[in-house]
Amino acid sequence: MIVIEKILSKEDVSAFRQQLTNAPWGDGSKTAMGMAASVKNNNQADANDISVRQLANQLLSRIGETPKIVSAALPNKIFPPCFNRFSETQEYGYHVDAAIMRMPDSSEVLRSDMSMTTFLSEPEEYQGGELIISTEFGQQSIKLPAGYAVVYPSSSLHKVTAVTQGQRIAAITWMQSMISDATIRQNLYQLDQTIQALIKEDKTSRTELDNLHNVYHNLIRQFAQL
């Protein structure tokens, strides 16, 4: 579970919110599959609306430009972001994301390895609405500033608690990683973050950094599925 700071600036968030205010919204439960549909009570922006598509593409670009997300997920495919809204009393009970998703307007499918929620409402704008993720270390409660995101395994049971006051707006997406094994993917992320930290410290020789880069990329070459 990795927090991404400021994937969207305050100006970006304001622009997204303004466009979403004028976008058409529908019953979010109609976009869920299987058992998730029975516990999903929110609204979702119409993914076929041109303004919503433009926002989704903007966020997709930011994902590709954010090194920490690329390092954490090593994405091969990314589902176009969807925008959801939780008003008072709305919630999304415990569920697991579908393992296989069909890409919009395509016969191509995606295996959901990593999920990402990007917050578009400030925490003080609403009460409740926490993203709760079940992990091996217990339940993790997440409520981040607008423009921040969290990336977590799609295999995790998770929920959004009921909003008791205000409104919670967020974007969600899913990624198929080039590395299907979660443990290997986590180890590669830790290795890459260590390399980046050593580069910033500027105390490690170029030869040693090249050797670490060599190990990192050869591991990706060994385990990547394309």
C-alpha atoms as a PDB file:
ATOM      1  CA  MET A   1       0.000   0.000   0.000  1.00  0.00           C
ATOM      2  CA  ILE A   2       1.755   3.125  -1.279  1.00  0.00           C
ATOM      3  CA  VAL A   3       0.697   6.758  -0.918  1.00  0.00           C
ATOM      4  CA  ILE A   4       1.358   9.022  -3.907  1.00  0.00           C
ATOM      5  CA  GLU A   5       1.596  12.681  -2.955  1.00  0.00           C
ATOM      6  CA  LYS A   6       0.164  15.393  -5.187  1.00  0.00           C
ATOM      7  CA  ILE A   7      -0.449  13.437  -8.365  1.00  0.00           C
ATOM      8  CA  LEU A   8      -2.815  16.353  -9.024  1.00  0.00           C
ATOM      9  CA  SER A   9      -2.156  19.947  -7.985  1.00  0.00           C
ATOM     10  CA  LYS A  10      -4.773  22.041  -6.200  1.00  0.00           C
ATOM     11  CA  GLU A  11      -5.445  23.771  -9.520  1.00  0.00           C
ATOM     12  CA  ASP A  12      -5.889  20.397 -11.210  1.00  0.00           C
ATOM     13  CA  VAL A  13      -8.290  19.235  -8.514  1.00  0.00           C
ATOM     14  CA  SER A  14     -10.330  22.427  -8.831  1.00  0.00           C
ATOM     15  CA  ALA A  15     -10.571  21.995 -12.615  1.00  0.00           C
ATOM     16  CA  PHE A  16     -11.540  18.319 -12.272  1.00  0.00           C
ATOM     17  CA  ARG A  17     -14.195  19.165  -9.686  1.00  0.00           C
ATOM     18  CA  GLN A  18     -15.664  21.918 -11.871  1.00  0.00           C
ATOM     19  CA  GLN A  19     -15.998  19.637 -14.886  1.00  0.00           C
ATOM     20  CA  LEU A  20     -17.437  16.818 -12.803  1.00  0.00           C
ATOM     21  CA  THR A  21     -20.076  19.167 -11.394  1.00  0.00           C
ATOM     22  CA  ASN A  22     -21.512  19.498 -14.891  1.00  0.00           C
ATOM     23  CA  ALA A  23     -21.023  15.850 -15.891  1.00  0.00           C
ATOM     24  CA  PRO A  24     -23.878  13.306 -16.009  1.00  0.00           C
ATOM     25  CA  TRP A  25     -23.902  10.856 -13.087  1.00  0.00           C
ATOM     26  CA  GLY A  26     -25.602   7.496 -12.681  1.00  0.00           C
ATOM     27  CA  ASP A  27     -26.144   4.668 -10.211  1.00  0.00           C
ATOM     28  CA  GLY A  28     -22.719   3.267  -9.372  1.00  0.00           C
ATOM     29  CA  SER A  29     -24.058  -0.198  -8.559  1.00  0.00           C
ATOM     30  CA  LYS A  30     -24.770  -0.747 -12.266  1.00  0.00           C
ATOM     31  CA  THR A  31     -21.038  -0.695 -12.986  1.00  0.00           C
ATOM     32  CA  ALA A  32     -20.170  -3.342 -10.376  1.00  0.00           C
ATOM     33  CA  MET A  33     -19.986  -7.061 -11.051  1.00  0.00           C
ATOM     34  CA  GLY A  34     -21.036 -10.083  -9.017  1.00  0.00           C
ATOM     35  CA  MET A  35     -21.337  -9.735  -5.255  1.00  0.00           C
ATOM     36  CA  ALA A  36     -19.861  -6.217  -5.300  1.00  0.00           C
ATOM     37  CA  ALA A  37     -23.041  -4.835  -6.898  1.00  0.00           C
ATOM     38  CA  SER A  38     -25.121  -5.676  -3.829  1.00  0.00           C
ATOM     39  CA  VAL A  39     -22.922  -3.619  -1.485  1.00  0.00           C
ATOM     40  CA  LYS A  40     -22.158  -0.672  -3.786  1.00  0.00           C
ATOM     41  CA  ASN A  41     -24.189   2.457  -3.078  1.00  0.00           C
ATOM     42  CA  ASN A  42     -22.708   5.506  -4.785  1.00  0.00           C
ATOM     43  CA  ASN A  43     -22.853   7.477  -8.000  1.00  0.00           C
ATOM     44  CA  GLN A  44     -20.488   7.250 -10.933  1.00  0.00           C
ATOM     45  CA  ALA A  45     -19.792   9.771 -13.682  1.00  0.00           C
ATOM     46  CA  ASP A  46     -20.856   8.622 -17.159  1.00  0.00           C
ATOM     47  CA  ALA A  47     -17.678   7.218 -18.692  1.00  0.00           C
ATOM     48  CA  ASN A  48     -19.069   7.828 -22.195  1.00  0.00           C
ATOM     49  CA  ASP A  49     -19.423  11.579 -21.639  1.00  0.00           C
ATOM     50  CA  ILE A  50     -16.719  13.451 -23.574  1.00  0.00           C
ATOM     51  CA  SER A  51     -15.738  15.675 -20.650  1.00  0.00           C
ATOM     52  CA  VAL A  52     -15.404  12.652 -18.339  1.00  0.00           C
ATOM     53  CA  ARG A  53     -13.267  10.885 -20.938  1.00  0.00           C
ATOM     54  CA  GLN A  54     -11.011  13.926 -21.149  1.00  0.00           C
ATOM     55  CA  LEU A  55     -10.551  13.916 -17.373  1.00  0.00           C
ATOM     56  CA  ALA A  56      -9.802  10.182 -17.439  1.00  0.00           C
ATOM     57  CA  ASN A  57      -7.158  10.725 -20.111  1.00  0.00           C
ATOM     58  CA  GLN A  58      -5.596  13.575 -18.139  1.00  0.00           C
ATOM     59  CA  LEU A  59      -5.309  11.379 -15.067  1.00  0.00           C
ATOM     60  CA  LEU A  60      -3.917   8.514 -17.162  1.00  0.00           C
ATOM     61  CA  SER A  61      -1.177  10.863 -18.369  1.00  0.00           C
ATOM     62  CA  ARG A  62      -0.320  11.828 -14.792  1.00  0.00           C
ATOM     63  CA  ILE A  63      -0.106   8.175 -13.801  1.00  0.00           C
ATOM     64  CA  GLY A  64       2.385   7.504 -16.590  1.00  0.00           C
ATOM     65  CA  GLU A  65       4.412  10.572 -15.602  1.00  0.00           C
ATOM     66  CA  THR A  66       4.637   9.662 -11.906  1.00  0.00           C
ATOM     67  CA  PRO A  67       7.809   7.615 -11.237  1.00  0.00           C
ATOM     68  CA  LYS A  68       6.608   6.264  -7.883  1.00  0.00           C
ATOM     69  CA  ILE A  69       3.492   4.725  -9.452  1.00  0.00           C
ATOM     70  CA  VAL A  70       5.490   3.224 -12.305  1.00  0.00           C
ATOM     71  CA  SER A  71       7.986   1.841  -9.778  1.00  0.00           C
ATOM     72  CA  ALA A  72       5.280   0.381  -7.549  1.00  0.00           C
ATOM     73  CA  ALA A  73       3.008  -1.108 -10.193  1.00  0.00           C
ATOM     74  CA  LEU A  74       5.236  -1.574 -13.265  1.00  0.00           C
ATOM     75  CA  PRO A  75       2.023  -1.210 -15.290  1.00  0.00           C
ATOM     76  CA  ASN A  76       1.459  -3.022 -18.542  1.00  0.00           C
ATOM     77  CA  LYS A  77      -2.194  -1.979 -18.936  1.00  0.00           C
ATOM     78  CA  ILE A  78      -4.224   0.676 -17.111  1.00  0.00           C
ATOM     79  CA  PHE A  79      -8.020   0.798 -16.982  1.00  0.00           C
ATOM     80  CA  PRO A  80      -9.353   4.283 -17.806  1.00  0.00           C
ATOM     81  CA  PRO A  81     -10.043   6.034 -14.467  1.00  0.00           C
ATOM     82  CA  CYS A  82     -13.645   6.130 -13.255  1.00  0.00           C
ATOM     83  CA  PHE A  83     -15.018   8.947 -11.116  1.00  0.00           C
ATOM     84  CA  ASN A  84     -17.272   8.182  -8.164  1.00  0.00           C
ATOM     85  CA  ARG A  85     -19.212  10.251  -5.674  1.00  0.00           C
ATOM     86  CA  PHE A  86     -20.454   9.329  -2.208  1.00  0.00           C
ATOM     87  CA  SER A  87     -23.122  11.570  -0.705  1.00  0.00           C
ATOM     88  CA  GLU A  88     -24.632  11.266   2.757  1.00  0.00           C
ATOM     89  CA  THR A  89     -25.565   7.669   3.767  1.00  0.00           C
ATOM     90  CA  GLN A  90     -23.816   6.216   0.702  1.00  0.00           C
ATOM     91  CA  GLU A  91     -21.125   3.573   1.143  1.00  0.00           C
ATOM     92  CA  TYR A  92     -19.416   0.650  -0.568  1.00  0.00           C
ATOM     93  CA  GLY A  93     -19.275  -2.466   1.590  1.00  0.00           C
ATOM     94  CA  TYR A  94     -16.442  -4.964   1.730  1.00  0.00           C
ATOM     95  CA  HIS A  95     -15.622  -6.363  -1.690  1.00  0.00           C
ATOM     96  CA  VAL A  96     -12.723  -7.530  -3.820  1.00  0.00           C
ATOM     97  CA  ASP A  97     -12.142  -6.042  -7.258  1.00  0.00           C
ATOM     98  CA  ALA A  98     -12.860  -8.286 -10.230  1.00  0.00           C
ATOM     99  CA  ALA A  99      -9.777 -10.240 -11.234  1.00  0.00           C
ATOM    100  CA  ILE A 100     -10.408  -9.791 -14.969  1.00  0.00           C
ATOM    101  CA  MET A 101     -11.873  -6.615 -16.465  1.00  0.00           C
ATOM    102  CA  ARG A 102     -12.805  -5.882 -20.056  1.00  0.00           C
ATOM    103  CA  MET A 103     -11.298  -2.657 -21.352  1.00  0.00           C
ATOM    104  CA  PRO A 104     -13.953  -0.155 -22.516  1.00  0.00           C
ATOM    105  CA  ASP A 105     -14.879  -0.319 -26.203  1.00  0.00           C
ATOM    106  CA  SER A 106     -12.455  -3.181 -26.750  1.00  0.00           C
ATOM    107  CA  SER A 107     -12.213  -6.955 -26.743  1.00  0.00           C
ATOM    108  CA  GLU A 108      -9.004  -6.617 -24.720  1.00  0.00           C
ATOM    109  CA  VAL A 109      -9.034  -7.660 -21.077  1.00  0.00           C
ATOM    110  CA  LEU A 110      -6.988  -6.586 -18.063  1.00  0.00           C
ATOM    111  CA  ARG A 111      -5.937  -8.573 -14.999  1.00  0.00           C
ATOM    112  CA  SER A 112      -6.333  -6.329 -11.975  1.00  0.00           C
ATOM    113  CA  ASP A 113      -3.104  -6.507  -9.982  1.00  0.00           C
ATOM    114  CA  MET A 114      -3.086  -3.029  -8.430  1.00  0.00           C
ATOM    115  CA  SER A 115      -5.919  -0.629  -7.621  1.00  0.00           C
ATOM    116  CA  MET A 116      -5.537   3.112  -7.206  1.00  0.00           C
ATOM    117  CA  THR A 117      -7.820   5.669  -5.578  1.00  0.00           C
ATOM    118  CA  THR A 118      -7.162   9.352  -6.230  1.00  0.00           C
ATOM    119  CA  PHE A 119      -8.906  11.665  -3.767  1.00  0.00           C
ATOM    120  CA  LEU A 120     -10.634  14.744  -5.204  1.00  0.00           C
ATOM    121  CA  SER A 121     -12.279  15.976  -1.976  1.00  0.00           C
ATOM    122  CA  GLU A 122     -10.425  17.410   1.001  1.00  0.00           C
ATOM    123  CA  PRO A 123     -10.775  15.333   4.195  1.00  0.00           C
ATOM    124  CA  GLU A 124     -12.577  18.177   5.991  1.00  0.00           C
ATOM    125  CA  GLU A 125     -15.252  18.338   3.263  1.00  0.00           C
ATOM    126  CA  TYR A 126     -16.904  15.142   4.442  1.00  0.00           C
ATOM    127  CA  GLN A 127     -17.357  12.926   7.486  1.00  0.00           C
ATOM    128  CA  GLY A 128     -16.896   9.171   7.159  1.00  0.00           C
ATOM    129  CA  GLY A 129     -15.983   7.925   3.685  1.00  0.00           C
ATOM    130  CA  GLU A 130     -12.709   6.302   4.759  1.00  0.00           C
ATOM    131  CA  LEU A 131     -11.143   3.759   2.437  1.00  0.00           C
ATOM    132  CA  ILE A 132     -10.587   0.667   4.590  1.00  0.00           C
ATOM    133  CA  ILE A 133      -8.149  -1.924   3.235  1.00  0.00           C
ATOM    134  CA  SER A 134      -7.688  -5.303   4.907  1.00  0.00           C
ATOM    135  CA  THR A 135      -4.026  -6.272   5.038  1.00  0.00           C
ATOM    136  CA  GLU A 136      -1.946  -8.936   6.758  1.00  0.00           C
ATOM    137  CA  PHE A 137      -1.260  -6.300   9.436  1.00  0.00           C
ATOM    138  CA  GLY A 138      -4.954  -5.550  10.016  1.00  0.00           C
ATOM    139  CA  GLN A 139      -7.307  -2.919   8.665  1.00  0.00           C
ATOM    140  CA  GLN A 140      -5.757   0.241   7.260  1.00  0.00           C
ATOM    141  CA  SER A 141      -7.927   3.390   7.176  1.00  0.00           C
ATOM    142  CA  ILE A 142      -7.082   5.917   4.469  1.00  0.00           C
ATOM    143  CA  LYS A 143      -8.403   9.439   3.991  1.00  0.00           C
ATOM    144  CA  LEU A 144      -5.953  11.578   2.032  1.00  0.00           C
ATOM    145  CA  PRO A 145      -5.839  15.231   0.913  1.00  0.00           C
ATOM    146  CA  ALA A 146      -7.308  16.096  -2.475  1.00  0.00           C
ATOM    147  CA  GLY A 147      -4.801  15.355  -5.230  1.00  0.00           C
ATOM    148  CA  TYR A 148      -3.196  12.478  -3.321  1.00  0.00           C
ATOM    149  CA  ALA A 149      -3.590   8.822  -4.298  1.00  0.00           C
ATOM    150  CA  VAL A 150      -3.094   5.408  -2.760  1.00  0.00           C
ATOM    151  CA  VAL A 151      -2.025   2.293  -4.679  1.00  0.00           C
ATOM    152  CA  TYR A 152      -2.865  -1.101  -3.173  1.00  0.00           C
ATOM    153  CA  PRO A 153      -3.267  -4.750  -4.248  1.00  0.00           C
ATOM    154  CA  SER A 154      -6.519  -5.418  -6.078  1.00  0.00           C
ATOM    155  CA  SER A 155      -6.679  -8.749  -4.272  1.00  0.00           C
ATOM    156  CA  SER A 156      -7.309  -6.962  -0.953  1.00  0.00           C
ATOM    157  CA  LEU A 157     -10.734  -6.876   0.638  1.00  0.00           C
ATOM    158  CA  HIS A 158     -11.637  -3.200   0.975  1.00  0.00           C
ATOM    159  CA  LYS A 159     -14.573  -0.889   1.497  1.00  0.00           C
ATOM    160  CA  VAL A 160     -15.589   2.778   1.695  1.00  0.00           C
ATOM    161  CA  THR A 161     -17.393   3.579   4.932  1.00  0.00           C
ATOM    162  CA  ALA A 162     -20.670   5.483   4.888  1.00  0.00           C
ATOM    163  CA  VAL A 163     -20.441   9.223   4.374  1.00  0.00           C
ATOM    164  CA  THR A 164     -22.349  10.850   7.232  1.00  0.00           C
ATOM    165  CA  GLN A 165     -21.885  14.466   6.176  1.00  0.00           C
ATOM    166  CA  GLY A 166     -20.740  16.213   3.009  1.00  0.00           C
ATOM    167  CA  GLN A 167     -19.627  14.565  -0.201  1.00  0.00           C
ATOM    168  CA  ARG A 168     -16.639  12.424  -1.164  1.00  0.00           C
ATOM    169  CA  ILE A 169     -15.418  12.513  -4.776  1.00  0.00           C
ATOM    170  CA  ALA A 170     -12.605  10.312  -6.023  1.00  0.00           C
ATOM    171  CA  ALA A 171     -11.210   8.568  -9.086  1.00  0.00           C
ATOM    172  CA  ILE A 172     -10.469   4.858  -9.213  1.00  0.00           C
ATOM    173  CA  THR A 173      -8.454   2.785 -11.651  1.00  0.00           C
ATOM    174  CA  TRP A 174      -6.834  -0.617 -11.956  1.00  0.00           C
ATOM    175  CA  MET A 175      -3.510  -1.723 -13.383  1.00  0.00           C
ATOM    176  CA  GLN A 176      -2.185  -4.943 -14.803  1.00  0.00           C
ATOM    177  CA  SER A 177       1.457  -5.196 -13.878  1.00  0.00           C
ATOM    178  CA  MET A 178       4.223  -6.596 -16.036  1.00  0.00           C
ATOM    179  CA  ILE A 179       5.120  -8.566 -12.890  1.00  0.00           C
ATOM    180  CA  SER A 180       2.220 -10.778 -11.819  1.00  0.00           C
ATOM    181  CA  ASP A 181       3.844 -12.033  -8.603  1.00  0.00           C
ATOM    182  CA  ALA A 182       3.082  -9.535  -5.820  1.00  0.00           C
ATOM    183  CA  THR A 183       6.137 -10.474  -3.724  1.00  0.00           C
ATOM    184  CA  ILE A 184       8.536 -10.033  -6.634  1.00  0.00           C
ATOM    185  CA  ARG A 185       6.832  -6.757  -7.555  1.00  0.00           C
ATOM    186  CA  GLN A 186       7.238  -5.488  -3.981  1.00  0.00           C
ATOM    187  CA  ASN A 187      10.896  -6.481  -3.905  1.00  0.00           C
ATOM    188  CA  LEU A 188      11.521  -4.705  -7.205  1.00  0.00           C
ATOM    189  CA  TYR A 189       9.836  -1.586  -5.840  1.00  0.00           C
ATOM    190  CA  GLN A 190      12.030  -1.623  -2.733  1.00  0.00           C
ATOM    191  CA  LEU A 191      15.147  -2.141  -4.858  1.00  0.00           C
ATOM    192  CA  ASP A 192      14.237   0.719  -7.193  1.00  0.00           C
ATOM    193  CA  GLN A 193      13.445   3.080  -4.309  1.00  0.00           C
ATOM    194  CA  THR A 194      16.799   2.214  -2.709  1.00  0.00           C
ATOM    195  CA  ILE A 195      18.616   2.976  -5.970  1.00  0.00           C
ATOM    196  CA  GLN A 196      16.801   6.313  -6.284  1.00  0.00           C
ATOM    197  CA  ALA A 197      17.695   7.206  -2.678  1.00  0.00           C
ATOM    198  CA  LEU A 198      21.369   6.399  -3.307  1.00  0.00           C
ATOM    199  CA  ILE A 199      21.361   8.571  -6.417  1.00  0.00           C
ATOM    200  CA  LYS A 200      19.949  11.502  -4.435  1.00  0.00           C
ATOM    201  CA  GLU A 201      22.531  11.085  -1.669  1.00  0.00           C
ATOM    202  CA  ASP A 202      25.265  11.262  -4.318  1.00  0.00           C
ATOM    203  CA  LYS A 203      27.659   9.217  -2.182  1.00  0.00           C
ATOM    204  CA  THR A 204      27.634   5.977  -4.153  1.00  0.00           C
ATOM    205  CA  SER A 205      29.999   5.466  -7.058  1.00  0.00           C
ATOM    206  CA  ARG A 206      28.670   5.314 -10.589  1.00  0.00           C
ATOM    207  CA  THR A 207      30.047   1.777 -10.949  1.00  0.00           C
ATOM    208  CA  GLU A 208      28.087   0.535  -7.936  1.00  0.00           C
ATOM    209  CA  LEU A 209      24.911   2.258  -9.143  1.00  0.00           C
ATOM    210  CA  ASP A 210      25.345   0.729 -12.589  1.00  0.00           C
ATOM    211  CA  ASN A 211      25.667  -2.706 -10.979  1.00  0.00           C
ATOM    212  CA  LEU A 212      22.448  -2.184  -9.021  1.00  0.00           C
ATOM    213  CA  HIS A 213      20.668  -0.943 -12.139  1.00  0.00           C
ATOM    214  CA  ASN A 214      21.926  -4.026 -13.953  1.00  0.00           C
ATOM    215  CA  VAL A 215      20.456  -6.334 -11.296  1.00  0.00           C
ATOM    216  CA  TYR A 216      17.148  -4.421 -11.247  1.00  0.00           C
ATOM    217  CA  HIS A 217      16.577  -4.494 -14.995  1.00  0.00           C
ATOM    218  CA  ASN A 218      17.708  -8.096 -15.351  1.00  0.00           C
ATOM    219  CA  LEU A 219      15.181  -9.105 -12.696  1.00  0.00           C
ATOM    220  CA  ILE A 220      12.446  -7.317 -14.639  1.00  0.00           C
ATOM    221  CA  ARG A 221      13.666  -9.006 -17.802  1.00  0.00           C
ATOM    222  CA  GLN A 222      13.451 -12.375 -16.026  1.00  0.00           C
ATOM    223  CA  PHE A 223       9.981 -12.000 -14.527  1.00  0.00           C
ATOM    224  CA  ALA A 224       8.112  -9.623 -16.848  1.00  0.00           C
ATOM    225  CA  GLN A 225       5.091 -10.993 -18.679  1.00  0.00           C
ATOM    226  CA  LEU A 226       4.260  -9.033 -21.818  1.00  0.00           C
END
